[in-house]
Every structure is written in structure tokens, then in C-alpha cells.
Amino acid sequence: MKLKYSFLLKFIFIFISGIWFYTPQILATEDKEIKSYSVLEKCNNNWENLTKSLTKDVADYGNRIIQSSRIYPNLDNFLPTYIVTASIPDTQSLPLNNFASEDFYMSENQETKQLFFTTLERQYSSNNRIIEAQNFHWLIFTFTPQGWQLVKAITRFGYPQPEGDFSVSPPRDTTNGIIGQAVNLWLRDCQH
């Protein structure tokens, strides 16, 4: 009887050890399949899927850009800014024929798409005040053999006023700003 019991314990131990040994490999294989499926869903050339994924991730990417570019010249006046969230994307295009400048020109045969969204941003002041701003972004993309590329980012910054009103800045080119850099970084990560 002891021999059967001992054999049974060894069998159970070997069986469980085998499952434990092979489980990480099985899980790693499943994770790769899941990851590559989600990357394909997110980064394919379908404009609607791409814009939904981009606006879902742009706050995180923007905060990375903010954190990596911080310079602390005077900590007393420093107000850290954080992008809290981005709105649902709006992809209804505006006509571009009246929108021309020296640094921006789209020929008629280039496929362009436009994306509009807002971001909620917060600054935390030294006297424990939270200052919220809502910024309005207009992004123009073109499709290339490498995938979608950002052509231009234009932002209107929304500022709260002491009397409770809200003022908006004139449009500014933010292609090389936080949102432009965040979008380019996201597109790079998405395509590679």
C-alpha cells in the first residue's frame, strides 16, 4: 500500500511540476498572439480604429513627453501640467483649400484625413490649487507607404478666468509641441 501511495505522490508531483514548467511557455505564446492581434487592430490602416486608439492613448504619451522635457529653472514658480484625458475623436473634415501657408501645402492627389479632439489638462499650484484647462486640437494626417503620418497639429488653448469665464487662445502650430510629439511617438510605436 505504501508503494502505491508513494508512486501516486511522485506522479502528482511530476505532473504538477510539468504543468508549472510548461505553463510560462504556453502563456508567453498566448500573450504574443494576443498582443499582435491588438497591435494589428490598433495600427491597421482603418482610420476609425486608428483615431479611437490614438485618442485613448494620447494623454499617456503626452504626459511622457511632458515628463521627459521638464526643466526646473525655478521650482517656486513651477506648475506641473498633466494631461488627464482626451475626448472622443471627431473625424468630420473641414475643407483645406483655404488653408495654405509657406510650411503647409497638400496637393489634390494626396489622401489627407483630419482629427479633432479636446484634452483636459491640470496644473497643480504651490498653494494646493488645481487649475484645469481644456485644449482643442486639430490634426491633419496623410497616408504614406509607411502608414499614417502627422502633417500638422493646430491647438487652441483654453484658459479659465478668475471670474469663472473661459477664454481660448488663437490657433497655434503645435506640430513640434507636446501633442505633436506625442502623436508622432504613438504612430512610431504603433507602426514598429
N, C-alpha and C. Protein backbone atom coordinates (compact mmCIF):
# COMPACT_ATOMS: atom_id res chain seq x y z
N MET A 1 0.82 -1.20 0.00
CA MET A 1 0.00 0.00 0.00
C MET A 1 0.86 1.26 0.00
N LYS A 2 1.97 1.23 0.81
CA LYS A 2 2.86 2.38 0.85
C LYS A 2 3.49 2.63 -0.52
N LEU A 3 3.78 1.56 -1.25
CA LEU A 3 4.39 1.69 -2.56
C LEU A 3 3.43 2.40 -3.53
N LYS A 4 2.17 2.02 -3.51
CA LYS A 4 1.18 2.66 -4.38
C LYS A 4 0.99 4.13 -4.00
N TYR A 5 0.95 4.40 -2.70
CA TYR A 5 0.79 5.77 -2.23
C TYR A 5 1.99 6.62 -2.62
N SER A 6 3.19 6.07 -2.46
CA SER A 6 4.42 6.77 -2.82
C SER A 6 4.45 7.03 -4.33
N PHE A 7 4.08 6.03 -5.12
CA PHE A 7 4.04 6.18 -6.57
C PHE A 7 3.04 7.26 -6.98
N LEU A 8 1.88 7.25 -6.32
CA LEU A 8 0.85 8.25 -6.62
C LEU A 8 1.34 9.66 -6.29
N LEU A 9 2.01 9.84 -5.17
CA LEU A 9 2.56 11.16 -4.81
C LEU A 9 3.61 11.62 -5.81
N LYS A 10 4.50 10.70 -6.23
CA LYS A 10 5.52 11.06 -7.22
C LYS A 10 4.86 11.46 -8.54
N PHE A 11 3.84 10.70 -8.94
CA PHE A 11 3.14 11.00 -10.18
C PHE A 11 2.50 12.39 -10.12
N ILE A 12 1.83 12.69 -9.03
CA ILE A 12 1.19 14.00 -8.85
C ILE A 12 2.24 15.10 -8.86
N PHE A 13 3.37 14.89 -8.17
CA PHE A 13 4.44 15.89 -8.12
C PHE A 13 5.00 16.14 -9.53
N ILE A 14 5.28 15.07 -10.26
CA ILE A 14 5.83 15.22 -11.61
C ILE A 14 4.81 15.89 -12.53
N PHE A 15 3.55 15.51 -12.39
CA PHE A 15 2.50 16.09 -13.22
C PHE A 15 2.38 17.60 -12.97
N ILE A 16 2.33 17.97 -11.70
CA ILE A 16 2.21 19.39 -11.35
C ILE A 16 3.46 20.14 -11.76
N SER A 17 4.64 19.56 -11.56
CA SER A 17 5.89 20.20 -11.97
C SER A 17 5.92 20.41 -13.47
N GLY A 18 5.44 19.42 -14.21
CA GLY A 18 5.40 19.54 -15.67
C GLY A 18 4.50 20.67 -16.11
N ILE A 19 3.35 20.78 -15.49
CA ILE A 19 2.44 21.88 -15.81
C ILE A 19 3.10 23.20 -15.45
N TRP A 20 3.74 23.29 -14.30
CA TRP A 20 4.39 24.52 -13.86
C TRP A 20 5.51 24.90 -14.82
N PHE A 21 6.28 23.89 -15.27
CA PHE A 21 7.41 24.15 -16.14
C PHE A 21 6.96 24.65 -17.51
N TYR A 22 5.90 24.06 -18.06
CA TYR A 22 5.46 24.42 -19.40
C TYR A 22 4.47 25.58 -19.44
N THR A 23 3.86 25.91 -18.33
CA THR A 23 2.86 26.98 -18.30
C THR A 23 3.42 28.33 -18.75
N PRO A 24 4.61 28.78 -18.27
CA PRO A 24 5.10 30.08 -18.75
C PRO A 24 5.28 30.12 -20.26
N GLN A 25 5.72 29.00 -20.86
CA GLN A 25 5.89 28.99 -22.32
C GLN A 25 4.54 29.09 -23.02
N ILE A 26 3.55 28.40 -22.50
CA ILE A 26 2.21 28.46 -23.08
C ILE A 26 1.65 29.87 -22.95
N LEU A 27 1.80 30.45 -21.75
CA LEU A 27 1.29 31.80 -21.54
C LEU A 27 2.01 32.81 -22.42
N ALA A 28 3.33 32.66 -22.57
CA ALA A 28 4.09 33.58 -23.41
C ALA A 28 3.61 33.51 -24.85
N THR A 29 3.34 32.31 -25.34
CA THR A 29 2.84 32.15 -26.70
C THR A 29 1.47 32.81 -26.84
N GLU A 30 0.59 32.59 -25.86
CA GLU A 30 -0.73 33.19 -25.92
C GLU A 30 -0.64 34.71 -25.86
N ASP A 31 0.25 35.26 -25.01
CA ASP A 31 0.40 36.71 -24.90
C ASP A 31 0.86 37.31 -26.22
N LYS A 32 1.80 36.65 -26.91
CA LYS A 32 2.29 37.17 -28.18
C LYS A 32 1.15 37.22 -29.20
N GLU A 33 0.34 36.17 -29.23
CA GLU A 33 -0.78 36.16 -30.17
C GLU A 33 -1.77 37.26 -29.83
N ILE A 34 -2.06 37.45 -28.56
CA ILE A 34 -2.99 38.49 -28.14
C ILE A 34 -2.41 39.86 -28.47
N LYS A 35 -1.12 40.06 -28.17
CA LYS A 35 -0.50 41.36 -28.41
C LYS A 35 -0.50 41.67 -29.90
N SER A 36 -0.09 40.71 -30.73
CA SER A 36 -0.03 41.01 -32.15
C SER A 36 -1.42 41.26 -32.71
N TYR A 37 -2.44 40.61 -32.18
CA TYR A 37 -3.80 40.89 -32.64
C TYR A 37 -4.20 42.31 -32.26
N SER A 38 -3.92 42.71 -31.01
CA SER A 38 -4.32 44.05 -30.58
C SER A 38 -3.54 45.12 -31.32
N VAL A 39 -2.26 44.87 -31.61
CA VAL A 39 -1.47 45.84 -32.38
C VAL A 39 -2.03 45.94 -33.79
N LEU A 40 -2.40 44.80 -34.38
CA LEU A 40 -2.99 44.85 -35.73
C LEU A 40 -4.29 45.63 -35.72
N GLU A 41 -5.13 45.40 -34.71
CA GLU A 41 -6.40 46.12 -34.61
C GLU A 41 -6.15 47.61 -34.48
N LYS A 42 -5.21 47.97 -33.62
CA LYS A 42 -4.96 49.37 -33.29
C LYS A 42 -4.25 50.09 -34.42
N CYS A 43 -3.33 49.43 -35.07
CA CYS A 43 -2.43 50.11 -36.00
C CYS A 43 -2.72 49.82 -37.47
N ASN A 44 -3.81 49.17 -37.76
CA ASN A 44 -4.07 48.92 -39.17
C ASN A 44 -4.44 50.23 -39.85
N ASN A 45 -4.68 50.17 -41.11
CA ASN A 45 -4.93 51.40 -41.86
C ASN A 45 -6.36 51.88 -41.77
N ASN A 46 -7.19 51.23 -40.97
CA ASN A 46 -8.56 51.66 -40.78
C ASN A 46 -8.56 52.96 -39.96
N TRP A 47 -8.98 54.03 -40.58
CA TRP A 47 -8.90 55.36 -39.98
C TRP A 47 -9.69 55.45 -38.67
N GLU A 48 -10.89 54.89 -38.64
CA GLU A 48 -11.73 54.98 -37.43
C GLU A 48 -11.07 54.27 -36.25
N ASN A 49 -10.57 53.05 -36.47
CA ASN A 49 -9.89 52.33 -35.38
C ASN A 49 -8.65 53.06 -34.92
N LEU A 50 -7.90 53.59 -35.87
CA LEU A 50 -6.67 54.31 -35.54
C LEU A 50 -6.96 55.53 -34.68
N THR A 51 -7.97 56.32 -35.04
CA THR A 51 -8.26 57.54 -34.28
C THR A 51 -8.78 57.22 -32.88
N LYS A 52 -9.58 56.17 -32.76
CA LYS A 52 -10.06 55.78 -31.43
C LYS A 52 -8.90 55.36 -30.53
N SER A 53 -7.99 54.57 -31.08
CA SER A 53 -6.84 54.12 -30.29
C SER A 53 -5.92 55.29 -29.96
N LEU A 54 -5.72 56.17 -30.92
CA LEU A 54 -4.84 57.32 -30.70
C LEU A 54 -5.38 58.22 -29.59
N THR A 55 -6.64 58.57 -29.65
CA THR A 55 -7.18 59.47 -28.62
C THR A 55 -7.26 58.78 -27.26
N LYS A 56 -7.36 57.47 -27.26
CA LYS A 56 -7.35 56.73 -25.99
C LYS A 56 -5.96 56.81 -25.34
N ASP A 57 -4.90 56.81 -26.16
CA ASP A 57 -3.53 56.76 -25.65
C ASP A 57 -2.82 58.10 -25.60
N VAL A 58 -3.36 59.14 -26.24
CA VAL A 58 -2.61 60.39 -26.40
C VAL A 58 -2.29 61.07 -25.07
N ALA A 59 -3.13 60.93 -24.06
CA ALA A 59 -2.84 61.55 -22.76
C ALA A 59 -1.60 60.91 -22.14
N ASP A 60 -1.50 59.59 -22.19
CA ASP A 60 -0.33 58.91 -21.64
C ASP A 60 0.94 59.30 -22.38
N TYR A 61 0.87 59.32 -23.69
CA TYR A 61 2.04 59.70 -24.49
C TYR A 61 2.40 61.17 -24.25
N GLY A 62 1.40 62.03 -24.16
CA GLY A 62 1.66 63.44 -23.87
C GLY A 62 2.32 63.64 -22.52
N ASN A 63 1.87 62.90 -21.52
CA ASN A 63 2.48 63.01 -20.19
C ASN A 63 3.92 62.52 -20.20
N ARG A 64 4.22 61.52 -21.01
CA ARG A 64 5.62 61.08 -21.15
C ARG A 64 6.48 62.19 -21.74
N ILE A 65 5.94 62.87 -22.76
CA ILE A 65 6.69 63.97 -23.37
C ILE A 65 6.90 65.08 -22.34
N ILE A 66 5.86 65.41 -21.59
CA ILE A 66 5.96 66.46 -20.57
C ILE A 66 7.02 66.10 -19.54
N GLN A 67 6.99 64.87 -19.03
CA GLN A 67 7.94 64.44 -18.01
C GLN A 67 9.37 64.42 -18.54
N SER A 68 9.56 63.96 -19.76
CA SER A 68 10.92 63.85 -20.29
C SER A 68 11.52 65.19 -20.69
N SER A 69 10.69 66.20 -20.88
CA SER A 69 11.21 67.50 -21.31
C SER A 69 11.21 68.55 -20.21
N ARG A 70 10.95 68.14 -18.99
CA ARG A 70 10.90 69.11 -17.88
C ARG A 70 12.27 69.65 -17.54
N ILE A 71 12.29 70.96 -17.38
CA ILE A 71 13.48 71.65 -16.88
C ILE A 71 13.01 72.47 -15.69
N TYR A 72 13.74 72.40 -14.60
CA TYR A 72 13.31 73.05 -13.36
C TYR A 72 14.17 74.28 -13.07
N PRO A 73 13.98 75.39 -13.78
CA PRO A 73 14.81 76.56 -13.52
C PRO A 73 14.48 77.21 -12.18
N ASN A 74 13.21 77.25 -11.83
CA ASN A 74 12.80 77.89 -10.59
C ASN A 74 11.63 77.10 -10.02
N LEU A 75 11.90 76.27 -9.04
CA LEU A 75 10.87 75.40 -8.50
C LEU A 75 9.74 76.15 -7.82
N ASP A 76 9.98 77.39 -7.38
CA ASP A 76 8.93 78.16 -6.72
C ASP A 76 7.79 78.51 -7.68
N ASN A 77 8.12 78.79 -8.92
CA ASN A 77 7.11 79.18 -9.91
C ASN A 77 6.69 78.03 -10.81
N PHE A 78 7.18 76.85 -10.52
CA PHE A 78 6.92 75.70 -11.38
C PHE A 78 5.52 75.15 -11.15
N LEU A 79 4.73 75.03 -12.22
CA LEU A 79 3.39 74.45 -12.14
C LEU A 79 3.37 73.20 -13.02
N PRO A 80 3.48 72.02 -12.42
CA PRO A 80 3.46 70.81 -13.25
C PRO A 80 2.12 70.65 -13.97
N THR A 81 2.18 70.30 -15.24
CA THR A 81 0.99 70.11 -16.05
C THR A 81 0.84 68.63 -16.37
N TYR A 82 -0.39 68.16 -16.36
CA TYR A 82 -0.69 66.77 -16.69
C TYR A 82 -1.89 66.73 -17.61
N ILE A 83 -1.83 65.89 -18.62
CA ILE A 83 -2.98 65.66 -19.48
C ILE A 83 -3.80 64.57 -18.82
N VAL A 84 -5.03 64.90 -18.47
CA VAL A 84 -5.88 63.96 -17.74
C VAL A 84 -6.56 63.00 -18.70
N THR A 85 -7.17 63.52 -19.75
CA THR A 85 -7.90 62.67 -20.68
C THR A 85 -8.09 63.40 -22.01
N ALA A 86 -8.47 62.64 -23.01
CA ALA A 86 -8.80 63.20 -24.32
C ALA A 86 -10.22 62.79 -24.67
N SER A 87 -10.86 63.62 -25.46
CA SER A 87 -12.26 63.36 -25.83
C SER A 87 -12.36 62.27 -26.89
N ILE A 88 -13.58 61.92 -27.20
CA ILE A 88 -13.86 61.00 -28.31
C ILE A 88 -13.45 61.71 -29.60
N PRO A 89 -12.83 61.00 -30.54
CA PRO A 89 -12.37 61.67 -31.76
C PRO A 89 -13.53 62.09 -32.66
N ASP A 90 -13.33 63.22 -33.32
CA ASP A 90 -14.26 63.70 -34.34
C ASP A 90 -13.48 63.72 -35.65
N THR A 91 -13.94 63.00 -36.64
CA THR A 91 -13.19 62.88 -37.90
C THR A 91 -13.88 63.56 -39.08
N GLN A 92 -14.86 64.40 -38.79
CA GLN A 92 -15.52 65.13 -39.88
C GLN A 92 -14.58 66.23 -40.36
N SER A 93 -14.19 66.17 -41.61
CA SER A 93 -13.16 67.06 -42.15
C SER A 93 -13.69 68.43 -42.51
N LEU A 94 -12.80 69.40 -42.42
CA LEU A 94 -13.05 70.75 -42.90
C LEU A 94 -12.36 70.90 -44.25
N PRO A 95 -12.83 71.79 -45.12
CA PRO A 95 -12.14 71.99 -46.40
C PRO A 95 -10.75 72.58 -46.17
N LEU A 96 -9.76 72.05 -46.88
CA LEU A 96 -8.39 72.52 -46.72
C LEU A 96 -7.98 73.50 -47.81
N ASN A 97 -8.84 73.78 -48.79
CA ASN A 97 -8.44 74.63 -49.91
C ASN A 97 -8.11 76.06 -49.47
N ASN A 98 -8.69 76.56 -48.41
CA ASN A 98 -8.37 77.91 -47.93
C ASN A 98 -7.26 77.90 -46.88
N PHE A 99 -6.79 76.72 -46.55
CA PHE A 99 -5.79 76.59 -45.51
C PHE A 99 -4.44 76.37 -46.16
N ALA A 100 -3.70 77.44 -46.36
CA ALA A 100 -2.39 77.31 -47.00
C ALA A 100 -1.42 78.26 -46.33
N SER A 101 -0.22 77.82 -46.23
CA SER A 101 0.85 78.67 -45.73
C SER A 101 2.14 78.20 -46.36
N GLU A 102 3.24 78.89 -46.08
CA GLU A 102 4.52 78.51 -46.67
C GLU A 102 4.96 77.12 -46.24
N ASP A 103 4.65 76.74 -45.00
CA ASP A 103 5.13 75.45 -44.50
C ASP A 103 4.10 74.33 -44.61
N PHE A 104 2.96 74.59 -45.21
CA PHE A 104 1.93 73.56 -45.29
C PHE A 104 1.22 73.65 -46.63
N TYR A 105 1.33 72.62 -47.39
CA TYR A 105 0.61 72.56 -48.66
C TYR A 105 0.30 71.11 -48.96
N MET A 106 -0.93 70.82 -49.28
CA MET A 106 -1.34 69.47 -49.64
C MET A 106 -1.83 69.50 -51.08
N SER A 107 -1.27 68.65 -51.91
CA SER A 107 -1.74 68.59 -53.29
C SER A 107 -3.07 67.84 -53.34
N GLU A 108 -3.77 68.02 -54.41
CA GLU A 108 -5.10 67.43 -54.56
C GLU A 108 -5.07 65.90 -54.52
N ASN A 109 -3.96 65.29 -54.99
CA ASN A 109 -3.94 63.84 -55.08
C ASN A 109 -3.47 63.16 -53.79
N GLN A 110 -3.06 63.89 -52.79
CA GLN A 110 -2.66 63.28 -51.53
C GLN A 110 -3.89 63.01 -50.68
N GLU A 111 -3.92 61.83 -50.09
CA GLU A 111 -5.03 61.49 -49.20
C GLU A 111 -4.74 62.08 -47.83
N THR A 112 -5.61 62.96 -47.38
CA THR A 112 -5.47 63.53 -46.05
C THR A 112 -6.71 63.24 -45.23
N LYS A 113 -6.50 63.12 -43.96
CA LYS A 113 -7.60 62.94 -43.01
C LYS A 113 -7.38 63.93 -41.88
N GLN A 114 -8.48 64.31 -41.26
CA GLN A 114 -8.41 65.26 -40.16
C GLN A 114 -8.99 64.63 -38.90
N LEU A 115 -8.43 65.04 -37.78
CA LEU A 115 -8.88 64.54 -36.49
C LEU A 115 -9.01 65.72 -35.54
N PHE A 116 -10.14 65.78 -34.87
CA PHE A 116 -10.41 66.82 -33.87
C PHE A 116 -10.66 66.14 -32.54
N PHE A 117 -10.05 66.67 -31.49
CA PHE A 117 -10.34 66.19 -30.14
C PHE A 117 -9.94 67.27 -29.14
N THR A 118 -10.42 67.14 -27.94
CA THR A 118 -10.04 68.06 -26.87
C THR A 118 -9.29 67.28 -25.79
N THR A 119 -8.48 68.00 -25.04
CA THR A 119 -7.81 67.40 -23.89
C THR A 119 -8.13 68.21 -22.65
N LEU A 120 -8.29 67.51 -21.56
CA LEU A 120 -8.43 68.14 -20.25
C LEU A 120 -7.07 68.07 -19.59
N GLU A 121 -6.55 69.23 -19.19
CA GLU A 121 -5.23 69.28 -18.56
C GLU A 121 -5.35 69.94 -17.20
N ARG A 122 -4.47 69.53 -16.29
CA ARG A 122 -4.46 70.10 -14.94
C ARG A 122 -3.07 70.56 -14.58
N GLN A 123 -3.05 71.68 -13.85
CA GLN A 123 -1.83 72.17 -13.23
C GLN A 123 -2.08 72.23 -11.74
N TYR A 124 -1.07 71.85 -10.97
CA TYR A 124 -1.19 71.87 -9.52
C TYR A 124 -0.27 72.96 -9.00
N SER A 125 -0.87 74.01 -8.42
CA SER A 125 -0.08 75.15 -7.97
C SER A 125 0.50 74.89 -6.59
N SER A 126 1.42 75.76 -6.19
CA SER A 126 2.10 75.59 -4.90
C SER A 126 1.16 75.81 -3.72
N ASN A 127 0.06 76.53 -3.90
CA ASN A 127 -0.89 76.74 -2.80
C ASN A 127 -2.07 75.77 -2.88
N ASN A 128 -1.81 74.57 -3.42
CA ASN A 128 -2.77 73.47 -3.49
C ASN A 128 -4.02 73.78 -4.32
N ARG A 129 -3.90 74.68 -5.27
CA ARG A 129 -4.99 74.93 -6.20
C ARG A 129 -4.82 74.06 -7.43
N ILE A 130 -5.94 73.61 -7.97
CA ILE A 130 -5.92 72.85 -9.21
C ILE A 130 -6.46 73.76 -10.30
N ILE A 131 -5.67 73.95 -11.34
CA ILE A 131 -6.08 74.79 -12.47
C ILE A 131 -6.33 73.85 -13.64
N GLU A 132 -7.57 73.84 -14.13
CA GLU A 132 -7.92 72.98 -15.25
C GLU A 132 -8.00 73.80 -16.53
N ALA A 133 -7.53 73.21 -17.60
CA ALA A 133 -7.59 73.84 -18.92
C ALA A 133 -8.13 72.83 -19.91
N GLN A 134 -8.89 73.32 -20.87
CA GLN A 134 -9.38 72.47 -21.94
C GLN A 134 -8.79 72.98 -23.23
N ASN A 135 -8.07 72.11 -23.93
CA ASN A 135 -7.41 72.49 -25.17
C ASN A 135 -8.05 71.78 -26.35
N PHE A 136 -8.11 72.47 -27.47
CA PHE A 136 -8.80 71.99 -28.66
C PHE A 136 -7.77 71.72 -29.75
N HIS A 137 -7.74 70.49 -30.26
CA HIS A 137 -6.70 70.07 -31.20
C HIS A 137 -7.29 69.70 -32.55
N TRP A 138 -6.62 70.16 -33.60
CA TRP A 138 -6.96 69.83 -34.98
C TRP A 138 -5.71 69.23 -35.59
N LEU A 139 -5.76 67.96 -35.96
CA LEU A 139 -4.61 67.27 -36.52
C LEU A 139 -4.91 66.87 -37.96
N ILE A 140 -3.91 67.03 -38.81
CA ILE A 140 -4.04 66.67 -40.22
C ILE A 140 -3.01 65.58 -40.51
N PHE A 141 -3.48 64.49 -41.09
CA PHE A 141 -2.64 63.34 -41.39
C PHE A 141 -2.65 63.07 -42.88
N THR A 142 -1.61 62.40 -43.35
CA THR A 142 -1.57 61.90 -44.71
C THR A 142 -1.13 60.45 -44.66
N PHE A 143 -1.59 59.69 -45.64
CA PHE A 143 -1.22 58.28 -45.68
C PHE A 143 -0.01 58.10 -46.58
N THR A 144 1.01 57.42 -46.08
CA THR A 144 2.24 57.15 -46.81
C THR A 144 2.44 55.63 -46.89
N PRO A 145 3.43 55.17 -47.64
CA PRO A 145 3.71 53.73 -47.65
C PRO A 145 4.06 53.17 -46.26
N GLN A 146 4.55 54.02 -45.37
CA GLN A 146 4.87 53.58 -44.01
C GLN A 146 3.67 53.65 -43.08
N GLY A 147 2.56 54.14 -43.55
CA GLY A 147 1.36 54.28 -42.72
C GLY A 147 0.98 55.75 -42.58
N TRP A 148 0.13 56.04 -41.62
CA TRP A 148 -0.33 57.41 -41.40
C TRP A 148 0.78 58.24 -40.78
N GLN A 149 0.92 59.49 -41.27
CA GLN A 149 1.91 60.43 -40.75
C GLN A 149 1.22 61.75 -40.41
N LEU A 150 1.66 62.35 -39.31
CA LEU A 150 1.13 63.66 -38.92
C LEU A 150 1.74 64.73 -39.82
N VAL A 151 0.89 65.55 -40.42
CA VAL A 151 1.35 66.65 -41.26
C VAL A 151 1.37 67.94 -40.45
N LYS A 152 0.30 68.17 -39.69
CA LYS A 152 0.18 69.44 -38.96
C LYS A 152 -0.70 69.23 -37.74
N ALA A 153 -0.32 69.88 -36.66
CA ALA A 153 -1.15 69.90 -35.44
C ALA A 153 -1.38 71.36 -35.07
N ILE A 154 -2.63 71.70 -34.88
CA ILE A 154 -3.00 73.07 -34.51
C ILE A 154 -3.82 72.98 -33.23
N THR A 155 -3.49 73.85 -32.28
CA THR A 155 -4.16 73.81 -30.98
C THR A 155 -4.64 75.19 -30.59
N ARG A 156 -5.82 75.22 -29.98
CA ARG A 156 -6.32 76.42 -29.31
C ARG A 156 -6.36 76.08 -27.82
N PHE A 157 -5.64 76.85 -27.04
CA PHE A 157 -5.54 76.60 -25.60
C PHE A 157 -6.67 77.31 -24.88
N GLY A 158 -7.36 76.59 -24.03
CA GLY A 158 -8.45 77.15 -23.25
C GLY A 158 -8.00 77.46 -21.84
N TYR A 159 -8.22 78.69 -21.41
CA TYR A 159 -7.76 79.13 -20.09
C TYR A 159 -8.95 79.55 -19.23
N PRO A 160 -9.02 79.05 -18.00
CA PRO A 160 -10.07 79.52 -17.09
C PRO A 160 -9.72 80.92 -16.59
N GLN A 161 -10.72 81.74 -16.39
CA GLN A 161 -10.53 83.10 -15.89
C GLN A 161 -11.01 83.18 -14.45
N PRO A 162 -10.47 84.14 -13.67
CA PRO A 162 -10.87 84.24 -12.26
C PRO A 162 -12.36 84.43 -12.05
N GLU A 163 -13.03 85.12 -12.95
CA GLU A 163 -14.47 85.35 -12.78
C GLU A 163 -15.30 84.17 -13.24
N GLY A 164 -14.66 83.04 -13.55
CA GLY A 164 -15.39 81.84 -13.93
C GLY A 164 -15.57 81.69 -15.43
N ASP A 165 -15.16 82.69 -16.20
CA ASP A 165 -15.27 82.59 -17.65
C ASP A 165 -14.15 81.71 -18.19
N PHE A 166 -14.20 81.52 -19.49
CA PHE A 166 -13.23 80.65 -20.14
C PHE A 166 -12.78 81.35 -21.42
N SER A 167 -11.50 81.58 -21.60
CA SER A 167 -11.02 82.21 -22.82
C SER A 167 -10.18 81.22 -23.61
N VAL A 168 -10.18 81.40 -24.93
CA VAL A 168 -9.46 80.49 -25.81
C VAL A 168 -8.44 81.28 -26.62
N SER A 169 -7.24 80.74 -26.74
CA SER A 169 -6.18 81.41 -27.48
C SER A 169 -6.42 81.31 -28.98
N PRO A 170 -5.73 82.13 -29.75
CA PRO A 170 -5.77 81.94 -31.21
C PRO A 170 -5.12 80.59 -31.55
N PRO A 171 -5.40 80.05 -32.72
CA PRO A 171 -4.78 78.77 -33.11
C PRO A 171 -3.25 78.88 -33.15
N ARG A 172 -2.60 77.85 -32.65
CA ARG A 172 -1.13 77.81 -32.64
C ARG A 172 -0.66 76.50 -33.25
N ASP A 173 0.45 76.57 -33.95
CA ASP A 173 1.04 75.36 -34.52
C ASP A 173 1.71 74.57 -33.40
N THR A 174 1.21 73.38 -33.14
CA THR A 174 1.78 72.53 -32.09
C THR A 174 2.33 71.23 -32.67
N THR A 175 2.71 71.27 -33.95
CA THR A 175 3.26 70.09 -34.59
C THR A 175 4.50 69.61 -33.85
N ASN A 176 5.31 70.54 -33.37
CA ASN A 176 6.51 70.18 -32.61
C ASN A 176 6.31 70.34 -31.11
N GLY A 177 5.08 70.61 -30.69
CA GLY A 177 4.76 70.75 -29.28
C GLY A 177 4.45 69.40 -28.65
N ILE A 178 3.85 69.44 -27.48
CA ILE A 178 3.58 68.21 -26.72
C ILE A 178 2.67 67.27 -27.50
N ILE A 179 1.55 67.78 -28.01
CA ILE A 179 0.60 66.90 -28.72
C ILE A 179 1.22 66.37 -30.01
N GLY A 180 1.88 67.21 -30.77
CA GLY A 180 2.53 66.75 -32.00
C GLY A 180 3.57 65.68 -31.73
N GLN A 181 4.40 65.90 -30.72
CA GLN A 181 5.41 64.90 -30.37
C GLN A 181 4.77 63.61 -29.87
N ALA A 182 3.71 63.75 -29.06
CA ALA A 182 3.02 62.57 -28.54
C ALA A 182 2.41 61.75 -29.67
N VAL A 183 1.78 62.41 -30.63
CA VAL A 183 1.16 61.71 -31.76
C VAL A 183 2.23 61.03 -32.61
N ASN A 184 3.33 61.72 -32.88
CA ASN A 184 4.41 61.11 -33.67
C ASN A 184 5.01 59.91 -32.96
N LEU A 185 5.19 60.01 -31.65
CA LEU A 185 5.72 58.88 -30.87
C LEU A 185 4.74 57.71 -30.90
N TRP A 186 3.45 58.01 -30.75
CA TRP A 186 2.43 56.96 -30.79
C TRP A 186 2.42 56.27 -32.16
N LEU A 187 2.47 57.06 -33.23
CA LEU A 187 2.48 56.49 -34.58
C LEU A 187 3.72 55.62 -34.79
N ARG A 188 4.87 56.08 -34.29
CA ARG A 188 6.09 55.29 -34.41
C ARG A 188 5.96 53.96 -33.68
N ASP A 189 5.47 54.01 -32.44
CA ASP A 189 5.29 52.78 -31.66
C ASP A 189 4.26 51.87 -32.31
N CYS A 190 3.26 52.47 -32.89
CA CYS A 190 2.18 51.70 -33.50
C CYS A 190 2.66 50.97 -34.75
N GLN A 191 3.52 51.60 -35.52
CA GLN A 191 3.93 51.04 -36.80
C GLN A 191 5.14 50.13 -36.71
N HIS A 192 5.83 50.13 -35.58
CA HIS A 192 7.05 49.30 -35.47
C HIS A 192 6.89 48.24 -34.43
